[in-house]
Amino acid sequence: GPFLYTVMTVSIVNDDSMNETREENVNALNSVLEKYFKSVSFYING
């Protein structure tokens, strides 16, 4: 540190703007985030 904190929320959508976010996508996003930050990710409310 000294550390700062923030929160990022992601929704994955199809061509009809319908939410298609799945819990399995957590690891995909973490594969990017871990290159740059300390982070903890969760699947919450879709």
ModelCIF file with pLDDT and N, C-alpha, C, O atoms, coordinates in Angstrom:
data_MODEL
#
_entry.id   MODEL 
#
_entity.id                         1 
_entity.type                       polymer 
_entity.pdbx_number_of_molecules   1 
#
_entity_poly.entity_id                      1 
_entity_poly.type                           'polypeptide(L)' 
_entity_poly.nstd_linkage                   no 
_entity_poly.nstd_monomer                   no 
_entity_poly.pdbx_seq_one_letter_code       GPFLYTVMTVSIVNDDSMNETREENVNALNSVLEKYFKSVSFYING 
_entity_poly.pdbx_seq_one_letter_code_can   GPFLYTVMTVSIVNDDSMNETREENVNALNSVLEKYFKSVSFYING 
_entity_poly.pdbx_strand_id                 A 
#
loop_
_entity_poly_seq.entity_id 
_entity_poly_seq.num 
_entity_poly_seq.mon_id 
_entity_poly_seq.hetero 
1 1  GLY n 
1 2  PRO n 
1 3  PHE n 
1 4  LEU n 
1 5  TYR n 
1 6  THR n 
1 7  VAL n 
1 8  MET n 
1 9  THR n 
1 10 VAL n 
1 11 SER n 
1 12 ILE n 
1 13 VAL n 
1 14 ASN n 
1 15 ASP n 
1 16 ASP n 
1 17 SER n 
1 18 MET n 
1 19 ASN n 
1 20 GLU n 
1 21 THR n 
1 22 ARG n 
1 23 GLU n 
1 24 GLU n 
1 25 ASN n 
1 26 VAL n 
1 27 ASN n 
1 28 ALA n 
1 29 LEU n 
1 30 ASN n 
1 31 SER n 
1 32 VAL n 
1 33 LEU n 
1 34 GLU n 
1 35 LYS n 
1 36 TYR n 
1 37 PHE n 
1 38 LYS n 
1 39 SER n 
1 40 VAL n 
1 41 SER n 
1 42 PHE n 
1 43 TYR n 
1 44 ILE n 
1 45 ASN n 
1 46 GLY n 
#
_struct_asym.id          A 
_struct_asym.entity_id   1 
#
loop_
_ma_qa_metric.id 
_ma_qa_metric.mode 
_ma_qa_metric.name 
_ma_qa_metric.software_group_id 
_ma_qa_metric.type 
1 global pLDDT . pLDDT 
2 local  pLDDT . pLDDT 
#
_ma_qa_metric_global.metric_id      1 
_ma_qa_metric_global.metric_value   91.87 
_ma_qa_metric_global.model_id       1 
_ma_qa_metric_global.ordinal_id     1 
#
loop_
_ma_qa_metric_local.label_asym_id 
_ma_qa_metric_local.label_comp_id 
_ma_qa_metric_local.label_seq_id 
_ma_qa_metric_local.metric_id 
_ma_qa_metric_local.metric_value 
_ma_qa_metric_local.model_id 
_ma_qa_metric_local.ordinal_id 
A GLY 1  2 75.00 1 1  
A PRO 2  2 89.00 1 2  
A PHE 3  2 94.00 1 3  
A LEU 4  2 95.00 1 4  
A TYR 5  2 96.00 1 5  
A THR 6  2 97.00 1 6  
A VAL 7  2 97.00 1 7  
A MET 8  2 97.00 1 8  
A THR 9  2 97.00 1 9  
A VAL 10 2 98.00 1 10 
A SER 11 2 97.00 1 11 
A ILE 12 2 96.00 1 12 
A VAL 13 2 95.00 1 13 
A ASN 14 2 92.00 1 14 
A ASP 15 2 89.00 1 15 
A ASP 16 2 88.00 1 16 
A SER 17 2 87.00 1 17 
A MET 18 2 92.00 1 18 
A ASN 19 2 93.00 1 19 
A GLU 20 2 94.00 1 20 
A THR 21 2 95.00 1 21 
A ARG 22 2 92.00 1 22 
A GLU 23 2 89.00 1 23 
A GLU 24 2 88.00 1 24 
A ASN 25 2 92.00 1 25 
A VAL 26 2 92.00 1 26 
A ASN 27 2 90.00 1 27 
A ALA 28 2 92.00 1 28 
A LEU 29 2 94.00 1 29 
A ASN 30 2 91.00 1 30 
A SER 31 2 90.00 1 31 
A VAL 32 2 93.00 1 32 
A LEU 33 2 93.00 1 33 
A GLU 34 2 90.00 1 34 
A LYS 35 2 89.00 1 35 
A TYR 36 2 92.00 1 36 
A PHE 37 2 92.00 1 37 
A LYS 38 2 91.00 1 38 
A SER 39 2 91.00 1 39 
A VAL 40 2 90.00 1 40 
A SER 41 2 91.00 1 41 
A PHE 42 2 89.00 1 42 
A TYR 43 2 91.00 1 43 
A ILE 44 2 90.00 1 44 
A ASN 45 2 88.00 1 45 
A GLY 46 2 93.00 1 46 
#
loop_
_atom_site.group_PDB 
_atom_site.id 
_atom_site.type_symbol 
_atom_site.label_atom_id 
_atom_site.label_alt_id 
_atom_site.label_comp_id 
_atom_site.label_asym_id 
_atom_site.label_entity_id 
_atom_site.label_seq_id 
_atom_site.pdbx_PDB_ins_code 
_atom_site.Cartn_x 
_atom_site.Cartn_y 
_atom_site.Cartn_z 
_atom_site.occupancy 
_atom_site.B_iso_or_equiv 
_atom_site.pdbx_formal_charge 
_atom_site.auth_seq_id 
_atom_site.auth_comp_id 
_atom_site.auth_asym_id 
_atom_site.auth_atom_id 
_atom_site.pdbx_PDB_model_num 
ATOM 1   N N  . GLY A 1 1  ? 0.800   -1.226  0.000   1.00 75.00 ? 1  GLY A N  1 
ATOM 2   C CA . GLY A 1 1  ? 0.000   0.000   0.000   1.00 75.00 ? 1  GLY A CA 1 
ATOM 3   C C  . GLY A 1 1  ? 0.820   1.256   0.000   1.00 75.00 ? 1  GLY A C  1 
ATOM 4   O O  . GLY A 1 1  ? 2.009   1.216   -0.315  1.00 75.00 ? 1  GLY A O  1 
ATOM 5   N N  . PRO A 1 2  ? 0.204   2.399   0.353   1.00 89.00 ? 2  PRO A N  1 
ATOM 6   C CA . PRO A 1 2  ? -1.171  2.508   0.862   1.00 89.00 ? 2  PRO A CA 1 
ATOM 7   C C  . PRO A 1 2  ? -2.188  2.178   -0.236  1.00 89.00 ? 2  PRO A C  1 
ATOM 8   O O  . PRO A 1 2  ? -2.043  2.581   -1.390  1.00 89.00 ? 2  PRO A O  1 
ATOM 9   N N  . PHE A 1 3  ? -3.222  1.430   0.169   1.00 94.00 ? 3  PHE A N  1 
ATOM 10  C CA . PHE A 1 3  ? -4.183  0.937   -0.796  1.00 94.00 ? 3  PHE A CA 1 
ATOM 11  C C  . PHE A 1 3  ? -5.407  1.843   -0.907  1.00 94.00 ? 3  PHE A C  1 
ATOM 12  O O  . PHE A 1 3  ? -5.833  2.494   0.047   1.00 94.00 ? 3  PHE A O  1 
ATOM 13  N N  . LEU A 1 4  ? -5.949  1.847   -2.127  1.00 95.00 ? 4  LEU A N  1 
ATOM 14  C CA . LEU A 1 4  ? -7.268  2.412   -2.382  1.00 95.00 ? 4  LEU A CA 1 
ATOM 15  C C  . LEU A 1 4  ? -8.151  1.266   -2.863  1.00 95.00 ? 4  LEU A C  1 
ATOM 16  O O  . LEU A 1 4  ? -7.655  0.245   -3.339  1.00 95.00 ? 4  LEU A O  1 
ATOM 17  N N  . TYR A 1 5  ? -9.463  1.445   -2.735  1.00 96.00 ? 5  TYR A N  1 
ATOM 18  C CA . TYR A 1 5  ? -10.403 0.381   -3.076  1.00 96.00 ? 5  TYR A CA 1 
ATOM 19  C C  . TYR A 1 5  ? -11.486 0.924   -3.994  1.00 96.00 ? 5  TYR A C  1 
ATOM 20  O O  . TYR A 1 5  ? -11.861 2.094   -3.923  1.00 96.00 ? 5  TYR A O  1 
ATOM 21  N N  . THR A 1 6  ? -11.977 0.048   -4.852  1.00 97.00 ? 6  THR A N  1 
ATOM 22  C CA . THR A 1 6  ? -13.155 0.401   -5.627  1.00 97.00 ? 6  THR A CA 1 
ATOM 23  C C  . THR A 1 6  ? -13.920 -0.885  -5.946  1.00 97.00 ? 6  THR A C  1 
ATOM 24  O O  . THR A 1 6  ? -13.445 -1.987  -5.673  1.00 97.00 ? 6  THR A O  1 
ATOM 25  N N  . VAL A 1 7  ? -15.102 -0.727  -6.522  1.00 97.00 ? 7  VAL A N  1 
ATOM 26  C CA . VAL A 1 7  ? -15.938 -1.876  -6.876  1.00 97.00 ? 7  VAL A CA 1 
ATOM 27  C C  . VAL A 1 7  ? -16.316 -1.779  -8.348  1.00 97.00 ? 7  VAL A C  1 
ATOM 28  O O  . VAL A 1 7  ? -16.708 -0.717  -8.833  1.00 97.00 ? 7  VAL A O  1 
ATOM 29  N N  . MET A 1 8  ? -16.194 -2.886  -9.042  1.00 97.00 ? 8  MET A N  1 
ATOM 30  C CA . MET A 1 8  ? -16.599 -2.998  -10.444 1.00 97.00 ? 8  MET A CA 1 
ATOM 31  C C  . MET A 1 8  ? -17.719 -4.027  -10.544 1.00 97.00 ? 8  MET A C  1 
ATOM 32  O O  . MET A 1 8  ? -17.611 -5.124  -9.996  1.00 97.00 ? 8  MET A O  1 
ATOM 33  N N  . THR A 1 9  ? -18.794 -3.671  -11.243 1.00 97.00 ? 9  THR A N  1 
ATOM 34  C CA . THR A 1 9  ? -19.907 -4.595  -11.451 1.00 97.00 ? 9  THR A CA 1 
ATOM 35  C C  . THR A 1 9  ? -20.101 -4.801  -12.948 1.00 97.00 ? 9  THR A C  1 
ATOM 36  O O  . THR A 1 9  ? -20.108 -3.842  -13.720 1.00 97.00 ? 9  THR A O  1 
ATOM 37  N N  . VAL A 1 10 ? -20.260 -6.063  -13.351 1.00 98.00 ? 10 VAL A N  1 
ATOM 38  C CA . VAL A 1 10 ? -20.332 -6.414  -14.773 1.00 98.00 ? 10 VAL A CA 1 
ATOM 39  C C  . VAL A 1 10 ? -21.575 -7.243  -15.058 1.00 98.00 ? 10 VAL A C  1 
ATOM 40  O O  . VAL A 1 10 ? -21.911 -8.174  -14.325 1.00 98.00 ? 10 VAL A O  1 
ATOM 41  N N  . SER A 1 11 ? -22.245 -6.880  -16.140 1.00 97.00 ? 11 SER A N  1 
ATOM 42  C CA . SER A 1 11 ? -23.384 -7.653  -16.630 1.00 97.00 ? 11 SER A CA 1 
ATOM 43  C C  . SER A 1 11 ? -23.110 -8.016  -18.090 1.00 97.00 ? 11 SER A C  1 
ATOM 44  O O  . SER A 1 11 ? -22.808 -7.139  -18.899 1.00 97.00 ? 11 SER A O  1 
ATOM 45  N N  . ILE A 1 12 ? -23.212 -9.290  -18.427 1.00 96.00 ? 12 ILE A N  1 
ATOM 46  C CA . ILE A 1 12 ? -22.999 -9.756  -19.800 1.00 96.00 ? 12 ILE A CA 1 
ATOM 47  C C  . ILE A 1 12 ? -24.369 -9.952  -20.450 1.00 96.00 ? 12 ILE A C  1 
ATOM 48  O O  . ILE A 1 12 ? -25.229 -10.641 -19.902 1.00 96.00 ? 12 ILE A O  1 
ATOM 49  N N  . VAL A 1 13 ? -24.567 -9.338  -21.625 1.00 95.00 ? 13 VAL A N  1 
ATOM 50  C CA . VAL A 1 13 ? -25.899 -9.330  -22.244 1.00 95.00 ? 13 VAL A CA 1 
ATOM 51  C C  . VAL A 1 13 ? -25.834 -9.840  -23.680 1.00 95.00 ? 13 VAL A C  1 
ATOM 52  O O  . VAL A 1 13 ? -24.797 -9.759  -24.339 1.00 95.00 ? 13 VAL A O  1 
ATOM 53  N N  . ASN A 1 14 ? -26.975 -10.374 -24.156 1.00 92.00 ? 14 ASN A N  1 
ATOM 54  C CA . ASN A 1 14 ? -27.047 -10.839 -25.541 1.00 92.00 ? 14 ASN A CA 1 
ATOM 55  C C  . ASN A 1 14 ? -27.531 -9.713  -26.456 1.00 92.00 ? 14 ASN A C  1 
ATOM 56  O O  . ASN A 1 14 ? -27.678 -8.571  -26.020 1.00 92.00 ? 14 ASN A O  1 
ATOM 57  N N  . ASP A 1 15 ? -27.774 -10.039 -27.713 1.00 89.00 ? 15 ASP A N  1 
ATOM 58  C CA . ASP A 1 15 ? -28.172 -9.020  -28.691 1.00 89.00 ? 15 ASP A CA 1 
ATOM 59  C C  . ASP A 1 15 ? -29.501 -8.359  -28.354 1.00 89.00 ? 15 ASP A C  1 
ATOM 60  O O  . ASP A 1 15 ? -29.778 -7.252  -28.815 1.00 89.00 ? 15 ASP A O  1 
ATOM 61  N N  . ASP A 1 16 ? -30.319 -9.026  -27.559 1.00 88.00 ? 16 ASP A N  1 
ATOM 62  C CA . ASP A 1 16 ? -31.609 -8.474  -27.149 1.00 88.00 ? 16 ASP A CA 1 
ATOM 63  C C  . ASP A 1 16 ? -31.527 -7.762  -25.804 1.00 88.00 ? 16 ASP A C  1 
ATOM 64  O O  . ASP A 1 16 ? -32.546 -7.454  -25.187 1.00 88.00 ? 16 ASP A O  1 
ATOM 65  N N  . SER A 1 17 ? -30.300 -7.506  -25.361 1.00 87.00 ? 17 SER A N  1 
ATOM 66  C CA . SER A 1 17 ? -30.037 -6.819  -24.086 1.00 87.00 ? 17 SER A CA 1 
ATOM 67  C C  . SER A 1 17 ? -30.511 -7.608  -22.874 1.00 87.00 ? 17 SER A C  1 
ATOM 68  O O  . SER A 1 17 ? -30.725 -7.045  -21.800 1.00 87.00 ? 17 SER A O  1 
ATOM 69  N N  . MET A 1 18 ? -30.674 -8.920  -23.054 1.00 92.00 ? 18 MET A N  1 
ATOM 70  C CA . MET A 1 18 ? -31.055 -9.784  -21.941 1.00 92.00 ? 18 MET A CA 1 
ATOM 71  C C  . MET A 1 18 ? -29.804 -10.238 -21.193 1.00 92.00 ? 18 MET A C  1 
ATOM 72  O O  . MET A 1 18 ? -28.790 -10.578 -21.802 1.00 92.00 ? 18 MET A O  1 
ATOM 73  N N  . ASN A 1 19 ? -29.893 -10.237 -19.880 1.00 93.00 ? 19 ASN A N  1 
ATOM 74  C CA . ASN A 1 19 ? -28.756 -10.610 -19.047 1.00 93.00 ? 19 ASN A CA 1 
ATOM 75  C C  . ASN A 1 19 ? -28.437 -12.099 -19.188 1.00 93.00 ? 19 ASN A C  1 
ATOM 76  O O  . ASN A 1 19 ? -29.304 -12.952 -19.000 1.00 93.00 ? 19 ASN A O  1 
ATOM 77  N N  . GLU A 1 20 ? -27.170 -12.400 -19.525 1.00 94.00 ? 20 GLU A N  1 
ATOM 78  C CA . GLU A 1 20 ? -26.732 -13.784 -19.640 1.00 94.00 ? 20 GLU A CA 1 
ATOM 79  C C  . GLU A 1 20 ? -25.523 -14.067 -18.742 1.00 94.00 ? 20 GLU A C  1 
ATOM 80  O O  . GLU A 1 20 ? -24.771 -15.013 -18.976 1.00 94.00 ? 20 GLU A O  1 
ATOM 81  N N  . THR A 1 21 ? -25.352 -13.245 -17.726 1.00 95.00 ? 21 THR A N  1 
ATOM 82  C CA . THR A 1 21 ? -24.222 -13.430 -16.811 1.00 95.00 ? 21 THR A CA 1 
ATOM 83  C C  . THR A 1 21 ? -24.405 -14.712 -16.015 1.00 95.00 ? 21 THR A C  1 
ATOM 84  O O  . THR A 1 21 ? -25.481 -14.983 -15.480 1.00 95.00 ? 21 THR A O  1 
ATOM 85  N N  . ARG A 1 22 ? -23.316 -15.507 -15.946 1.00 92.00 ? 22 ARG A N  1 
ATOM 86  C CA . ARG A 1 22 ? -23.359 -16.759 -15.195 1.00 92.00 ? 22 ARG A CA 1 
ATOM 87  C C  . ARG A 1 22 ? -22.262 -16.769 -14.135 1.00 92.00 ? 22 ARG A C  1 
ATOM 88  O O  . ARG A 1 22 ? -21.285 -16.026 -14.225 1.00 92.00 ? 22 ARG A O  1 
ATOM 89  N N  . GLU A 1 23 ? -22.437 -17.604 -13.153 1.00 89.00 ? 23 GLU A N  1 
ATOM 90  C CA . GLU A 1 23 ? -21.418 -17.713 -12.106 1.00 89.00 ? 23 GLU A CA 1 
ATOM 91  C C  . GLU A 1 23 ? -20.080 -18.180 -12.678 1.00 89.00 ? 23 GLU A C  1 
ATOM 92  O O  . GLU A 1 23 ? -19.019 -17.820 -12.167 1.00 89.00 ? 23 GLU A O  1 
ATOM 93  N N  . GLU A 1 24 ? -20.140 -18.986 -13.744 1.00 88.00 ? 24 GLU A N  1 
ATOM 94  C CA . GLU A 1 24 ? -18.918 -19.475 -14.374 1.00 88.00 ? 24 GLU A CA 1 
ATOM 95  C C  . GLU A 1 24 ? -18.077 -18.342 -14.954 1.00 88.00 ? 24 GLU A C  1 
ATOM 96  O O  . GLU A 1 24 ? -16.874 -18.507 -15.154 1.00 88.00 ? 24 GLU A O  1 
ATOM 97  N N  . ASN A 1 25 ? -18.701 -17.188 -15.226 1.00 92.00 ? 25 ASN A N  1 
ATOM 98  C CA . ASN A 1 25 ? -17.966 -16.066 -15.812 1.00 92.00 ? 25 ASN A CA 1 
ATOM 99  C C  . ASN A 1 25 ? -17.042 -15.370 -14.811 1.00 92.00 ? 25 ASN A C  1 
ATOM 100 O O  . ASN A 1 25 ? -16.176 -14.584 -15.195 1.00 92.00 ? 25 ASN A O  1 
ATOM 101 N N  . VAL A 1 26 ? -17.236 -15.665 -13.532 1.00 92.00 ? 26 VAL A N  1 
ATOM 102 C CA . VAL A 1 26 ? -16.398 -15.029 -12.506 1.00 92.00 ? 26 VAL A CA 1 
ATOM 103 C C  . VAL A 1 26 ? -14.924 -15.307 -12.766 1.00 92.00 ? 26 VAL A C  1 
ATOM 104 O O  . VAL A 1 26 ? -14.092 -14.402 -12.700 1.00 92.00 ? 26 VAL A O  1 
ATOM 105 N N  . ASN A 1 27 ? -14.609 -16.553 -13.059 1.00 90.00 ? 27 ASN A N  1 
ATOM 106 C CA . ASN A 1 27 ? -13.216 -16.923 -13.266 1.00 90.00 ? 27 ASN A CA 1 
ATOM 107 C C  . ASN A 1 27 ? -12.638 -16.263 -14.508 1.00 90.00 ? 27 ASN A C  1 
ATOM 108 O O  . ASN A 1 27 ? -11.457 -15.917 -14.544 1.00 90.00 ? 27 ASN A O  1 
ATOM 109 N N  . ALA A 1 28 ? -13.480 -16.090 -15.530 1.00 92.00 ? 28 ALA A N  1 
ATOM 110 C CA . ALA A 1 28 ? -13.016 -15.430 -16.757 1.00 92.00 ? 28 ALA A CA 1 
ATOM 111 C C  . ALA A 1 28 ? -12.576 -14.002 -16.464 1.00 92.00 ? 28 ALA A C  1 
ATOM 112 O O  . ALA A 1 28 ? -11.514 -13.568 -16.910 1.00 92.00 ? 28 ALA A O  1 
ATOM 113 N N  . LEU A 1 29 ? -13.391 -13.279 -15.717 1.00 94.00 ? 29 LEU A N  1 
ATOM 114 C CA . LEU A 1 29 ? -13.038 -11.905 -15.382 1.00 94.00 ? 29 LEU A CA 1 
ATOM 115 C C  . LEU A 1 29 ? -11.809 -11.849 -14.479 1.00 94.00 ? 29 LEU A C  1 
ATOM 116 O O  . LEU A 1 29 ? -10.965 -10.962 -14.613 1.00 94.00 ? 29 LEU A O  1 
ATOM 117 N N  . ASN A 1 30 ? -11.721 -12.802 -13.563 1.00 91.00 ? 30 ASN A N  1 
ATOM 118 C CA . ASN A 1 30 ? -10.558 -12.842 -12.676 1.00 91.00 ? 30 ASN A CA 1 
ATOM 119 C C  . ASN A 1 30 ? -9.263  -13.084 -13.434 1.00 91.00 ? 30 ASN A C  1 
ATOM 120 O O  . ASN A 1 30 ? -8.204  -12.617 -13.016 1.00 91.00 ? 30 ASN A O  1 
ATOM 121 N N  . SER A 1 31 ? -9.337  -13.812 -14.548 1.00 90.00 ? 31 SER A N  1 
ATOM 122 C CA . SER A 1 31 ? -8.126  -14.079 -15.335 1.00 90.00 ? 31 SER A CA 1 
ATOM 123 C C  . SER A 1 31 ? -7.533  -12.789 -15.888 1.00 90.00 ? 31 SER A C  1 
ATOM 124 O O  . SER A 1 31 ? -6.334  -12.716 -16.154 1.00 90.00 ? 31 SER A O  1 
ATOM 125 N N  . VAL A 1 32 ? -8.367  -11.778 -16.060 1.00 93.00 ? 32 VAL A N  1 
ATOM 126 C CA . VAL A 1 32 ? -7.884  -10.467 -16.487 1.00 93.00 ? 32 VAL A CA 1 
ATOM 127 C C  . VAL A 1 32 ? -7.461  -9.631  -15.282 1.00 93.00 ? 32 VAL A C  1 
ATOM 128 O O  . VAL A 1 32 ? -6.373  -9.055  -15.268 1.00 93.00 ? 32 VAL A O  1 
ATOM 129 N N  . LEU A 1 33 ? -8.315  -9.569  -14.285 1.00 93.00 ? 33 LEU A N  1 
ATOM 130 C CA . LEU A 1 33 ? -8.047  -8.706  -13.134 1.00 93.00 ? 33 LEU A CA 1 
ATOM 131 C C  . LEU A 1 33 ? -6.757  -9.075  -12.412 1.00 93.00 ? 33 LEU A C  1 
ATOM 132 O O  . LEU A 1 33 ? -6.035  -8.195  -11.943 1.00 93.00 ? 33 LEU A O  1 
ATOM 133 N N  . GLU A 1 34 ? -6.461  -10.380 -12.318 1.00 90.00 ? 34 GLU A N  1 
ATOM 134 C CA . GLU A 1 34 ? -5.298  -10.803 -11.545 1.00 90.00 ? 34 GLU A CA 1 
ATOM 135 C C  . GLU A 1 34 ? -3.988  -10.320 -12.152 1.00 90.00 ? 34 GLU A C  1 
ATOM 136 O O  . GLU A 1 34 ? -2.959  -10.329 -11.475 1.00 90.00 ? 34 GLU A O  1 
ATOM 137 N N  . LYS A 1 35 ? -4.004  -9.898  -13.409 1.00 89.00 ? 35 LYS A N  1 
ATOM 138 C CA . LYS A 1 35 ? -2.794  -9.365  -14.023 1.00 89.00 ? 35 LYS A CA 1 
ATOM 139 C C  . LYS A 1 35 ? -2.482  -7.960  -13.538 1.00 89.00 ? 35 LYS A C  1 
ATOM 140 O O  . LYS A 1 35 ? -1.350  -7.492  -13.655 1.00 89.00 ? 35 LYS A O  1 
ATOM 141 N N  . TYR A 1 36 ? -3.492  -7.287  -12.991 1.00 92.00 ? 36 TYR A N  1 
ATOM 142 C CA . TYR A 1 36 ? -3.331  -5.873  -12.675 1.00 92.00 ? 36 TYR A CA 1 
ATOM 143 C C  . TYR A 1 36 ? -3.533  -5.522  -11.196 1.00 92.00 ? 36 TYR A C  1 
ATOM 144 O O  . TYR A 1 36 ? -2.908  -4.586  -10.697 1.00 92.00 ? 36 TYR A O  1 
ATOM 145 N N  . PHE A 1 37 ? -4.389  -6.253  -10.498 1.00 92.00 ? 37 PHE A N  1 
ATOM 146 C CA . PHE A 1 37 ? -4.774  -5.859  -9.136  1.00 92.00 ? 37 PHE A CA 1 
ATOM 147 C C  . PHE A 1 37 ? -4.871  -7.063  -8.201  1.00 92.00 ? 37 PHE A C  1 
ATOM 148 O O  . PHE A 1 37 ? -4.903  -8.213  -8.640  1.00 92.00 ? 37 PHE A O  1 
ATOM 149 N N  . LYS A 1 38 ? -4.916  -6.769  -6.907  1.00 91.00 ? 38 LYS A N  1 
ATOM 150 C CA . LYS A 1 38 ? -5.480  -7.693  -5.945  1.00 91.00 ? 38 LYS A CA 1 
ATOM 151 C C  . LYS A 1 38 ? -6.994  -7.542  -6.082  1.00 91.00 ? 38 LYS A C  1 
ATOM 152 O O  . LYS A 1 38 ? -7.496  -6.421  -6.162  1.00 91.00 ? 38 LYS A O  1 
ATOM 153 N N  . SER A 1 39 ? -7.715  -8.641  -6.110  1.00 91.00 ? 39 SER A N  1 
ATOM 154 C CA . SER A 1 39 ? -9.162  -8.520  -6.303  1.00 91.00 ? 39 SER A CA 1 
ATOM 155 C C  . SER A 1 39 ? -9.888  -9.739  -5.754  1.00 91.00 ? 39 SER A C  1 
ATOM 156 O O  . SER A 1 39 ? -9.312  -10.819 -5.617  1.00 91.00 ? 39 SER A O  1 
ATOM 157 N N  . VAL A 1 40 ? -11.160 -9.544  -5.445  1.00 90.00 ? 40 VAL A N  1 
ATOM 158 C CA . VAL A 1 40 ? -12.048 -10.628 -5.018  1.00 90.00 ? 40 VAL A CA 1 
ATOM 159 C C  . VAL A 1 40 ? -13.364 -10.426 -5.757  1.00 90.00 ? 40 VAL A C  1 
ATOM 160 O O  . VAL A 1 40 ? -13.929 -9.332  -5.724  1.00 90.00 ? 40 VAL A O  1 
ATOM 161 N N  . SER A 1 41 ? -13.859 -11.471 -6.426  1.00 91.00 ? 41 SER A N  1 
ATOM 162 C CA . SER A 1 41 ? -15.066 -11.339 -7.247  1.00 91.00 ? 41 SER A CA 1 
ATOM 163 C C  . SER A 1 41 ? -16.151 -12.313 -6.808  1.00 91.00 ? 41 SER A C  1 
ATOM 164 O O  . SER A 1 41 ? -15.873 -13.410 -6.324  1.00 91.00 ? 41 SER A O  1 
ATOM 165 N N  . PHE A 1 42 ? -17.400 -11.878 -6.993  1.00 89.00 ? 42 PHE A N  1 
ATOM 166 C CA . PHE A 1 42 ? -18.558 -12.683 -6.595  1.00 89.00 ? 42 PHE A CA 1 
ATOM 167 C C  . PHE A 1 42 ? -19.653 -12.574 -7.652  1.00 89.00 ? 42 PHE A C  1 
ATOM 168 O O  . PHE A 1 42 ? -19.737 -11.599 -8.398  1.00 89.00 ? 42 PHE A O  1 
ATOM 169 N N  . TYR A 1 43 ? -20.482 -13.605 -7.687  1.00 91.00 ? 43 TYR A N  1 
ATOM 170 C CA . TYR A 1 43 ? -21.696 -13.573 -8.507  1.00 91.00 ? 43 TYR A CA 1 
ATOM 171 C C  . TYR A 1 43 ? -22.835 -13.161 -7.579  1.00 91.00 ? 43 TYR A C  1 
ATOM 172 O O  . TYR A 1 43 ? -23.245 -13.929 -6.709  1.00 91.00 ? 43 TYR A O  1 
ATOM 173 N N  . ILE A 1 44 ? -23.345 -11.937 -7.772  1.00 90.00 ? 44 ILE A N  1 
ATOM 174 C CA . ILE A 1 44 ? -24.374 -11.392 -6.894  1.00 90.00 ? 44 ILE A CA 1 
ATOM 175 C C  . ILE A 1 44 ? -25.521 -10.823 -7.723  1.00 90.00 ? 44 ILE A C  1 
ATOM 176 O O  . ILE A 1 44 ? -25.303 -10.001 -8.613  1.00 90.00 ? 44 ILE A O  1 
ATOM 177 N N  . ASN A 1 45 ? -26.723 -11.256 -7.433  1.00 88.00 ? 45 ASN A N  1 
ATOM 178 C CA . ASN A 1 45 ? -27.923 -10.690 -8.076  1.00 88.00 ? 45 ASN A CA 1 
ATOM 179 C C  . ASN A 1 45 ? -27.824 -10.670 -9.601  1.00 88.00 ? 45 ASN A C  1 
ATOM 180 O O  . ASN A 1 45 ? -28.202 -9.687  -10.239 1.00 88.00 ? 45 ASN A O  1 
ATOM 181 N N  . GLY A 1 46 ? -27.319 -11.753 -10.178 1.00 93.00 ? 46 GLY A N  1 
ATOM 182 C CA . GLY A 1 46 ? -27.261 -11.870 -11.631 1.00 93.00 ? 46 GLY A CA 1 
ATOM 183 C C  . GLY A 1 46 ? -26.145 -11.074 -12.272 1.00 93.00 ? 46 GLY A C  1 
ATOM 184 O O  . GLY A 1 46 ? -25.996 -11.095 -13.494 1.00 93.00 ? 46 GLY A O  1 
#
